[in-house]
Amino acid sequence: MTTSAFFFRLAWVTAGAAAMLTTLFLILPAIKQHTGFAAGTVLLFALVCTGLFYAGRSAAASSAKTAFTNLISASVFGKMLLAVAVL
């Protein structure tokens, strides 16, 4: 995947999530107090995806055979820890 294709798709997914959150906040005004948390998690998602894209690109080009597999394992574990930390 090219860098421009990645950022194009990430922008669409992020915009879609923002649109759904905005609609949800309009439909259910009682949850507006969580706007900062929702925006923060969407931005964190975009940052994590960007970091993993560049790390995966580097690992795929690496001469070490297990670099990409190790990255996938570490990213899954890291995302689980991040989810627990956020909650």
PDB file of N, CA and C in Angstrom:
ATOM      1  N   MET A   1       0.852  -1.166   0.000  1.00  0.00           N
ATOM      2  CA  MET A   1       0.000   0.000   0.000  1.00  0.00           C
ATOM      3  C   MET A   1       0.902   1.235   0.000  1.00  0.00           C
ATOM      4  N   THR A   2       0.556   2.188  -0.811  1.00  0.00           N
ATOM      5  CA  THR A   2       1.334   3.420  -0.854  1.00  0.00           C
ATOM      6  C   THR A   2       0.962   4.308   0.329  1.00  0.00           C
ATOM      7  N   THR A   3       1.837   5.237   0.623  1.00  0.00           N
ATOM      8  CA  THR A   3       1.590   6.155   1.739  1.00  0.00           C
ATOM      9  C   THR A   3       0.365   7.015   1.477  1.00  0.00           C
ATOM     10  N   SER A   4       0.215   7.484   0.251  1.00  0.00           N
ATOM     11  CA  SER A   4      -0.942   8.334  -0.057  1.00  0.00           C
ATOM     12  C   SER A   4      -2.251   7.549   0.052  1.00  0.00           C
ATOM     13  N   ALA A   5      -2.253   6.287  -0.372  1.00  0.00           N
ATOM     14  CA  ALA A   5      -3.461   5.459  -0.249  1.00  0.00           C
ATOM     15  C   ALA A   5      -3.786   5.215   1.219  1.00  0.00           C
ATOM     16  N   PHE A   6      -2.767   4.972   2.025  1.00  0.00           N
ATOM     17  CA  PHE A   6      -3.003   4.765   3.460  1.00  0.00           C
ATOM     18  C   PHE A   6      -3.641   5.991   4.095  1.00  0.00           C
ATOM     19  N   PHE A   7      -3.056   7.165   3.857  1.00  0.00           N
ATOM     20  CA  PHE A   7      -3.593   8.373   4.477  1.00  0.00           C
ATOM     21  C   PHE A   7      -4.968   8.738   3.931  1.00  0.00           C
ATOM     22  N   PHE A   8      -5.236   8.436   2.680  1.00  0.00           N
ATOM     23  CA  PHE A   8      -6.559   8.674   2.111  1.00  0.00           C
ATOM     24  C   PHE A   8      -7.596   7.811   2.817  1.00  0.00           C
ATOM     25  N   ARG A   9      -7.285   6.527   2.972  1.00  0.00           N
ATOM     26  CA  ARG A   9      -8.224   5.618   3.638  1.00  0.00           C
ATOM     27  C   ARG A   9      -8.365   5.936   5.122  1.00  0.00           C
ATOM     28  N   LEU A  10      -7.274   6.285   5.758  1.00  0.00           N
ATOM     29  CA  LEU A  10      -7.343   6.657   7.174  1.00  0.00           C
ATOM     30  C   LEU A  10      -8.195   7.909   7.355  1.00  0.00           C
ATOM     31  N   ALA A  11      -8.058   8.861   6.453  1.00  0.00           N
ATOM     32  CA  ALA A  11      -8.867  10.085   6.533  1.00  0.00           C
ATOM     33  C   ALA A  11     -10.348   9.760   6.380  1.00  0.00           C
ATOM     34  N   TRP A  12     -10.693   8.857   5.471  1.00  0.00           N
ATOM     35  CA  TRP A  12     -12.093   8.480   5.292  1.00  0.00           C
ATOM     36  C   TRP A  12     -12.646   7.770   6.523  1.00  0.00           C
ATOM     37  N   VAL A  13     -11.883   6.864   7.089  1.00  0.00           N
ATOM     38  CA  VAL A  13     -12.349   6.144   8.283  1.00  0.00           C
ATOM     39  C   VAL A  13     -12.492   7.106   9.462  1.00  0.00           C
ATOM     40  N   THR A  14     -11.529   8.003   9.627  1.00  0.00           N
ATOM     41  CA  THR A  14     -11.581   8.969  10.719  1.00  0.00           C
ATOM     42  C   THR A  14     -12.751   9.927  10.535  1.00  0.00           C
ATOM     43  N   ALA A  15     -12.968  10.393   9.313  1.00  0.00           N
ATOM     44  CA  ALA A  15     -14.106  11.286   9.039  1.00  0.00           C
ATOM     45  C   ALA A  15     -15.429  10.565   9.266  1.00  0.00           C
ATOM     46  N   GLY A  16     -15.498   9.300   8.893  1.00  0.00           N
ATOM     47  CA  GLY A  16     -16.714   8.524   9.132  1.00  0.00           C
ATOM     48  C   GLY A  16     -16.996   8.351  10.614  1.00  0.00           C
ATOM     49  N   ALA A  17     -15.955   8.069  11.379  1.00  0.00           N
ATOM     50  CA  ALA A  17     -16.128   7.934  12.832  1.00  0.00           C
ATOM     51  C   ALA A  17     -16.555   9.260  13.447  1.00  0.00           C
ATOM     52  N   ALA A  18     -15.970  10.349  12.976  1.00  0.00           N
ATOM     53  CA  ALA A  18     -16.342  11.667  13.488  1.00  0.00           C
ATOM     54  C   ALA A  18     -17.787  12.005  13.133  1.00  0.00           C
ATOM     55  N   ALA A  19     -18.203  11.658  11.929  1.00  0.00           N
ATOM     56  CA  ALA A  19     -19.589  11.915  11.513  1.00  0.00           C
ATOM     57  C   ALA A  19     -20.573  11.104  12.348  1.00  0.00           C
ATOM     58  N   MET A  20     -20.235   9.838  12.603  1.00  0.00           N
ATOM     59  CA  MET A  20     -21.119   9.011  13.423  1.00  0.00           C
ATOM     60  C   MET A  20     -21.182   9.527  14.858  1.00  0.00           C
ATOM     61  N   LEU A  21     -20.049   9.964  15.393  1.00  0.00           N
ATOM     62  CA  LEU A  21     -20.053  10.514  16.749  1.00  0.00           C
ATOM     63  C   LEU A  21     -20.863  11.800  16.813  1.00  0.00           C
ATOM     64  N   THR A  22     -20.717  12.656  15.801  1.00  0.00           N
ATOM     65  CA  THR A  22     -21.482  13.902  15.769  1.00  0.00           C
ATOM     66  C   THR A  22     -22.972  13.610  15.716  1.00  0.00           C
ATOM     67  N   THR A  23     -23.369  12.664  14.891  1.00  0.00           N
ATOM     68  CA  THR A  23     -24.776  12.280  14.812  1.00  0.00           C
ATOM     69  C   THR A  23     -25.267  11.727  16.140  1.00  0.00           C
ATOM     70  N   LEU A  24     -24.448  10.916  16.769  1.00  0.00           N
ATOM     71  CA  LEU A  24     -24.820  10.352  18.067  1.00  0.00           C
ATOM     72  C   LEU A  24     -24.984  11.443  19.116  1.00  0.00           C
ATOM     73  N   PHE A  25     -24.096  12.432  19.095  1.00  0.00           N
ATOM     74  CA  PHE A  25     -24.202  13.531  20.063  1.00  0.00           C
ATOM     75  C   PHE A  25     -25.439  14.382  19.813  1.00  0.00           C
ATOM     76  N   LEU A  26     -25.871  14.491  18.563  1.00  0.00           N
ATOM     77  CA  LEU A  26     -27.085  15.247  18.249  1.00  0.00           C
ATOM     78  C   LEU A  26     -28.344  14.485  18.644  1.00  0.00           C
ATOM     79  N   ILE A  27     -28.314  13.168  18.480  1.00  0.00           N
ATOM     80  CA  ILE A  27     -29.486  12.345  18.804  1.00  0.00           C
ATOM     81  C   ILE A  27     -29.627  12.186  20.321  1.00  0.00           C
ATOM     82  N   LEU A  28     -28.526  11.984  21.007  1.00  0.00           N
ATOM     83  CA  LEU A  28     -28.542  11.760  22.460  1.00  0.00           C
ATOM     84  C   LEU A  28     -27.777  12.883  23.165  1.00  0.00           C
ATOM     85  N   PRO A  29     -28.429  13.976  23.463  1.00  0.00           N
ATOM     86  CA  PRO A  29     -27.722  15.117  24.066  1.00  0.00           C
ATOM     87  C   PRO A  29     -27.112  14.818  25.440  1.00  0.00           C
ATOM     88  N   ALA A  30     -27.591  13.785  26.117  1.00  0.00           N
ATOM     89  CA  ALA A  30     -27.073  13.471  27.450  1.00  0.00           C
ATOM     90  C   ALA A  30     -25.622  12.995  27.415  1.00  0.00           C
ATOM     91  N   ILE A  31     -25.146  12.537  26.264  1.00  0.00           N
ATOM     92  CA  ILE A  31     -23.773  12.039  26.203  1.00  0.00           C
ATOM     93  C   ILE A  31     -22.776  13.087  25.717  1.00  0.00           C
ATOM     94  N   LYS A  32     -23.206  14.326  25.582  1.00  0.00           N
ATOM     95  CA  LYS A  32     -22.296  15.389  25.132  1.00  0.00           C
ATOM     96  C   LYS A  32     -21.138  15.602  26.105  1.00  0.00           C
ATOM     97  N   GLN A  33     -21.313  15.199  27.320  1.00  0.00           N
ATOM     98  CA  GLN A  33     -20.235  15.359  28.304  1.00  0.00           C
ATOM     99  C   GLN A  33     -19.031  14.481  27.981  1.00  0.00           C
ATOM    100  N   HIS A  34     -19.205  13.520  27.103  1.00  0.00           N
ATOM    101  CA  HIS A  34     -18.121  12.609  26.722  1.00  0.00           C
ATOM    102  C   HIS A  34     -17.479  12.989  25.389  1.00  0.00           C
ATOM    103  N   THR A  35     -17.723  14.193  24.928  1.00  0.00           N
ATOM    104  CA  THR A  35     -17.191  14.630  23.634  1.00  0.00           C
ATOM    105  C   THR A  35     -15.672  14.584  23.605  1.00  0.00           C
ATOM    106  N   GLY A  36     -15.023  15.076  24.631  1.00  0.00           N
ATOM    107  CA  GLY A  36     -13.564  15.083  24.686  1.00  0.00           C
ATOM    108  C   GLY A  36     -12.966  13.691  24.660  1.00  0.00           C
ATOM    109  N   PHE A  37     -13.570  12.790  25.411  1.00  0.00           N
ATOM    110  CA  PHE A  37     -13.093  11.409  25.430  1.00  0.00           C
ATOM    111  C   PHE A  37     -13.243  10.763  24.061  1.00  0.00           C
ATOM    112  N   ALA A  38     -14.386  10.973  23.425  1.00  0.00           N
ATOM    113  CA  ALA A  38     -14.633  10.381  22.107  1.00  0.00           C
ATOM    114  C   ALA A  38     -13.660  10.930  21.070  1.00  0.00           C
ATOM    115  N   ALA A  39     -13.461  12.233  21.068  1.00  0.00           N
ATOM    116  CA  ALA A  39     -12.527  12.836  20.110  1.00  0.00           C
ATOM    117  C   ALA A  39     -11.101  12.362  20.375  1.00  0.00           C
ATOM    118  N   GLY A  40     -10.744  12.263  21.633  1.00  0.00           N
ATOM    119  CA  GLY A  40      -9.406  11.790  21.988  1.00  0.00           C
ATOM    120  C   GLY A  40      -9.146  10.366  21.540  1.00  0.00           C
ATOM    121  N   THR A  41     -10.142   9.493  21.679  1.00  0.00           N
ATOM    122  CA  THR A  41      -9.947   8.110  21.261  1.00  0.00           C
ATOM    123  C   THR A  41      -9.876   7.983  19.737  1.00  0.00           C
ATOM    124  N   VAL A  42     -10.628   8.805  19.014  1.00  0.00           N
ATOM    125  CA  VAL A  42     -10.542   8.776  17.547  1.00  0.00           C
ATOM    126  C   VAL A  42      -9.154   9.252  17.110  1.00  0.00           C
ATOM    127  N   LEU A  43      -8.651  10.311  17.727  1.00  0.00           N
ATOM    128  CA  LEU A  43      -7.311  10.795  17.389  1.00  0.00           C
ATOM    129  C   LEU A  43      -6.235   9.785  17.779  1.00  0.00           C
ATOM    130  N   LEU A  44      -6.403   9.150  18.926  1.00  0.00           N
ATOM    131  CA  LEU A  44      -5.451   8.120  19.346  1.00  0.00           C
ATOM    132  C   LEU A  44      -5.456   6.955  18.361  1.00  0.00           C
ATOM    133  N   PHE A  45      -6.627   6.567  17.890  1.00  0.00           N
ATOM    134  CA  PHE A  45      -6.739   5.516  16.885  1.00  0.00           C
ATOM    135  C   PHE A  45      -5.958   5.895  15.622  1.00  0.00           C
ATOM    136  N   ALA A  46      -6.108   7.126  15.175  1.00  0.00           N
ATOM    137  CA  ALA A  46      -5.402   7.576  13.967  1.00  0.00           C
ATOM    138  C   ALA A  46      -3.892   7.571  14.184  1.00  0.00           C
ATOM    139  N   LEU A  47      -3.446   7.992  15.356  1.00  0.00           N
ATOM    140  CA  LEU A  47      -2.012   7.997  15.645  1.00  0.00           C
ATOM    141  C   LEU A  47      -1.445   6.574  15.720  1.00  0.00           C
ATOM    142  N   VAL A  48      -2.161   5.681  16.366  1.00  0.00           N
ATOM    143  CA  VAL A  48      -1.705   4.291  16.474  1.00  0.00           C
ATOM    144  C   VAL A  48      -1.653   3.648  15.088  1.00  0.00           C
ATOM    145  N   CYS A  49      -2.665   3.899  14.267  1.00  0.00           N
ATOM    146  CA  CYS A  49      -2.680   3.343  12.908  1.00  0.00           C
ATOM    147  C   CYS A  49      -1.510   3.871  12.080  1.00  0.00           C
ATOM    148  N   THR A  50      -1.217   5.155  12.210  1.00  0.00           N
ATOM    149  CA  THR A  50      -0.106   5.736  11.466  1.00  0.00           C
ATOM    150  C   THR A  50       1.223   5.129  11.923  1.00  0.00           C
ATOM    151  N   GLY A  51       1.408   5.016  13.221  1.00  0.00           N
ATOM    152  CA  GLY A  51       2.631   4.414  13.738  1.00  0.00           C
ATOM    153  C   GLY A  51       2.796   2.977  13.293  1.00  0.00           C
ATOM    154  N   LEU A  52       1.696   2.205  13.334  1.00  0.00           N
ATOM    155  CA  LEU A  52       1.769   0.813  12.910  1.00  0.00           C
ATOM    156  C   LEU A  52       2.008   0.678  11.405  1.00  0.00           C
ATOM    157  N   PHE A  53       1.506   1.619  10.623  1.00  0.00           N
ATOM    158  CA  PHE A  53       1.755   1.582   9.180  1.00  0.00           C
ATOM    159  C   PHE A  53       3.244   1.715   8.892  1.00  0.00           C
ATOM    160  N   TYR A  54       3.871   2.715   9.512  1.00  0.00           N
ATOM    161  CA  TYR A  54       5.300   2.912   9.263  1.00  0.00           C
ATOM    162  C   TYR A  54       6.151   1.800   9.869  1.00  0.00           C
ATOM    163  N   ALA A  55       5.765   1.302  11.047  1.00  0.00           N
ATOM    164  CA  ALA A  55       6.502   0.192  11.652  1.00  0.00           C
ATOM    165  C   ALA A  55       6.350  -1.078  10.810  1.00  0.00           C
ATOM    166  N   GLY A  56       5.153  -1.329  10.297  1.00  0.00           N
ATOM    167  CA  GLY A  56       4.925  -2.499   9.453  1.00  0.00           C
ATOM    168  C   GLY A  56       5.666  -2.414   8.134  1.00  0.00           C
ATOM    169  N   ARG A  57       5.720  -1.226   7.587  1.00  0.00           N
ATOM    170  CA  ARG A  57       6.466  -1.023   6.339  1.00  0.00           C
ATOM    171  C   ARG A  57       7.945  -1.316   6.563  1.00  0.00           C
ATOM    172  N   SER A  58       8.463  -0.845   7.681  1.00  0.00           N
ATOM    173  CA  SER A  58       9.864  -1.089   8.011  1.00  0.00           C
ATOM    174  C   SER A  58      10.117  -2.575   8.283  1.00  0.00           C
ATOM    175  N   ALA A  59       9.210  -3.215   9.017  1.00  0.00           N
ATOM    176  CA  ALA A  59       9.378  -4.630   9.355  1.00  0.00           C
ATOM    177  C   ALA A  59       9.257  -5.514   8.118  1.00  0.00           C
ATOM    178  N   ALA A  60       8.389  -5.135   7.197  1.00  0.00           N
ATOM    179  CA  ALA A  60       8.232  -5.934   5.980  1.00  0.00           C
ATOM    180  C   ALA A  60       9.479  -5.874   5.106  1.00  0.00           C
ATOM    181  N   ALA A  61      10.173  -4.757   5.141  1.00  0.00           N
ATOM    182  CA  ALA A  61      11.385  -4.602   4.340  1.00  0.00           C
ATOM    183  C   ALA A  61      12.631  -5.113   5.061  1.00  0.00           C
ATOM    184  N   SER A  62      12.487  -5.509   6.310  1.00  0.00           N
ATOM    185  CA  SER A  62      13.617  -5.966   7.113  1.00  0.00           C
ATOM    186  C   SER A  62      14.135  -7.312   6.627  1.00  0.00           C
ATOM    187  N   SER A  63      15.413  -7.528   6.858  1.00  0.00           N
ATOM    188  CA  SER A  63      16.004  -8.814   6.480  1.00  0.00           C
ATOM    189  C   SER A  63      15.659  -9.915   7.484  1.00  0.00           C
ATOM    190  N   ALA A  64      15.236  -9.535   8.689  1.00  0.00           N
ATOM    191  CA  ALA A  64      14.837 -10.526   9.688  1.00  0.00           C
ATOM    192  C   ALA A  64      13.498 -11.146   9.277  1.00  0.00           C
ATOM    193  N   LYS A  65      13.440 -12.448   9.259  1.00  0.00           N
ATOM    194  CA  LYS A  65      12.244 -13.138   8.779  1.00  0.00           C
ATOM    195  C   LYS A  65      11.044 -12.976   9.714  1.00  0.00           C
ATOM    196  N   THR A  66      11.296 -12.842  10.993  1.00  0.00           N
ATOM    197  CA  THR A  66      10.197 -12.784  11.949  1.00  0.00           C
ATOM    198  C   THR A  66       9.848 -11.374  12.396  1.00  0.00           C
ATOM    199  N   ALA A  67      10.435 -10.366  11.792  1.00  0.00           N
ATOM    200  CA  ALA A  67      10.211  -8.989  12.237  1.00  0.00           C
ATOM    201  C   ALA A  67       8.748  -8.585  12.111  1.00  0.00           C
ATOM    202  N   PHE A  68       8.118  -8.916  10.993  1.00  0.00           N
ATOM    203  CA  PHE A  68       6.726  -8.522  10.787  1.00  0.00           C
ATOM    204  C   PHE A  68       5.794  -9.276  11.733  1.00  0.00           C
ATOM    205  N   THR A  69       6.036 -10.573  11.918  1.00  0.00           N
ATOM    206  CA  THR A  69       5.218 -11.371  12.840  1.00  0.00           C
ATOM    207  C   THR A  69       5.370 -10.862  14.266  1.00  0.00           C
ATOM    208  N   ASN A  70       6.580 -10.525  14.661  1.00  0.00           N
ATOM    209  CA  ASN A  70       6.803  -9.971  16.000  1.00  0.00           C
ATOM    210  C   ASN A  70       6.095  -8.637  16.173  1.00  0.00           C
ATOM    211  N   LEU A  71       6.096  -7.821  15.132  1.00  0.00           N
ATOM    212  CA  LEU A  71       5.401  -6.530  15.196  1.00  0.00           C
ATOM    213  C   LEU A  71       3.905  -6.734  15.387  1.00  0.00           C
ATOM    214  N   ILE A  72       3.329  -7.678  14.662  1.00  0.00           N
ATOM    215  CA  ILE A  72       1.894  -7.954  14.796  1.00  0.00           C
ATOM    216  C   ILE A  72       1.574  -8.406  16.217  1.00  0.00           C
ATOM    217  N   SER A  73       2.366  -9.313  16.743  1.00  0.00           N
ATOM    218  CA  SER A  73       2.141  -9.801  18.113  1.00  0.00           C
ATOM    219  C   SER A  73       2.262  -8.667  19.129  1.00  0.00           C
ATOM    220  N   ALA A  74       3.294  -7.858  18.982  1.00  0.00           N
ATOM    221  CA  ALA A  74       3.489  -6.737  19.914  1.00  0.00           C
ATOM    222  C   ALA A  74       2.382  -5.703  19.784  1.00  0.00           C
ATOM    223  N   SER A  75       1.901  -5.461  18.572  1.00  0.00           N
ATOM    224  CA  SER A  75       0.854  -4.457  18.398  1.00  0.00           C
ATOM    225  C   SER A  75      -0.472  -4.922  18.995  1.00  0.00           C
ATOM    226  N   VAL A  76      -0.786  -6.200  18.861  1.00  0.00           N
ATOM    227  CA  VAL A  76      -2.010  -6.729  19.465  1.00  0.00           C
ATOM    228  C   VAL A  76      -1.928  -6.605  20.985  1.00  0.00           C
ATOM    229  N   PHE A  77      -0.796  -6.993  21.550  1.00  0.00           N
ATOM    230  CA  PHE A  77      -0.620  -6.882  23.003  1.00  0.00           C
ATOM    231  C   PHE A  77      -0.667  -5.415  23.443  1.00  0.00           C
ATOM    232  N   GLY A  78      -0.007  -4.541  22.693  1.00  0.00           N
ATOM    233  CA  GLY A  78      -0.001  -3.116  23.039  1.00  0.00           C
ATOM    234  C   GLY A  78      -1.385  -2.493  22.969  1.00  0.00           C
ATOM    235  N   LYS A  79      -2.181  -2.884  21.977  1.00  0.00           N
ATOM    236  CA  LYS A  79      -3.542  -2.343  21.863  1.00  0.00           C
ATOM    237  C   LYS A  79      -4.422  -2.826  23.007  1.00  0.00           C
ATOM    238  N   MET A  80      -4.212  -4.067  23.447  1.00  0.00           N
ATOM    239  CA  MET A  80      -4.973  -4.556  24.602  1.00  0.00           C
ATOM    240  C   MET A  80      -4.608  -3.779  25.856  1.00  0.00           C
ATOM    241  N   LEU A  81      -3.316  -3.529  26.056  1.00  0.00           N
ATOM    242  CA  LEU A  81      -2.893  -2.740  27.221  1.00  0.00           C
ATOM    243  C   LEU A  81      -3.422  -1.317  27.144  1.00  0.00           C
ATOM    244  N   LEU A  82      -3.404  -0.736  25.958  1.00  0.00           N
ATOM    245  CA  LEU A  82      -3.914   0.623  25.766  1.00  0.00           C
ATOM    246  C   LEU A  82      -5.400   0.690  26.064  1.00  0.00           C
ATOM    247  N   ALA A  83      -6.156  -0.329  25.637  1.00  0.00           N
ATOM    248  CA  ALA A  83      -7.590  -0.362  25.910  1.00  0.00           C
ATOM    249  C   ALA A  83      -7.867  -0.445  27.407  1.00  0.00           C
ATOM    250  N   VAL A  84      -7.105  -1.260  28.114  1.00  0.00           N
ATOM    251  CA  VAL A  84      -7.270  -1.377  29.565  1.00  0.00           C
ATOM    252  C   VAL A  84      -6.884  -0.063  30.248  1.00  0.00           C
ATOM    253  N   ALA A  85      -5.821   0.586  29.762  1.00  0.00           N
ATOM    254  CA  ALA A  85      -5.375   1.841  30.367  1.00  0.00           C
ATOM    255  C   ALA A  85      -6.400   2.955  30.163  1.00  0.00           C
ATOM    256  N   VAL A  86      -7.041   2.979  29.010  1.00  0.00           N
ATOM    257  CA  VAL A  86      -8.034   4.016  28.733  1.00  0.00           C
ATOM    258  C   VAL A  86      -9.278   3.825  29.599  1.00  0.00           C
ATOM    259  N   LEU A  87      -9.640   2.558  29.801  1.00  0.00           N
ATOM    260  CA  LEU A  87     -10.818   2.296  30.624  1.00  0.00           C
ATOM    261  C   LEU A  87     -10.482   2.478  32.073  1.00  0.00           C
TER     262      LEU A  87
END
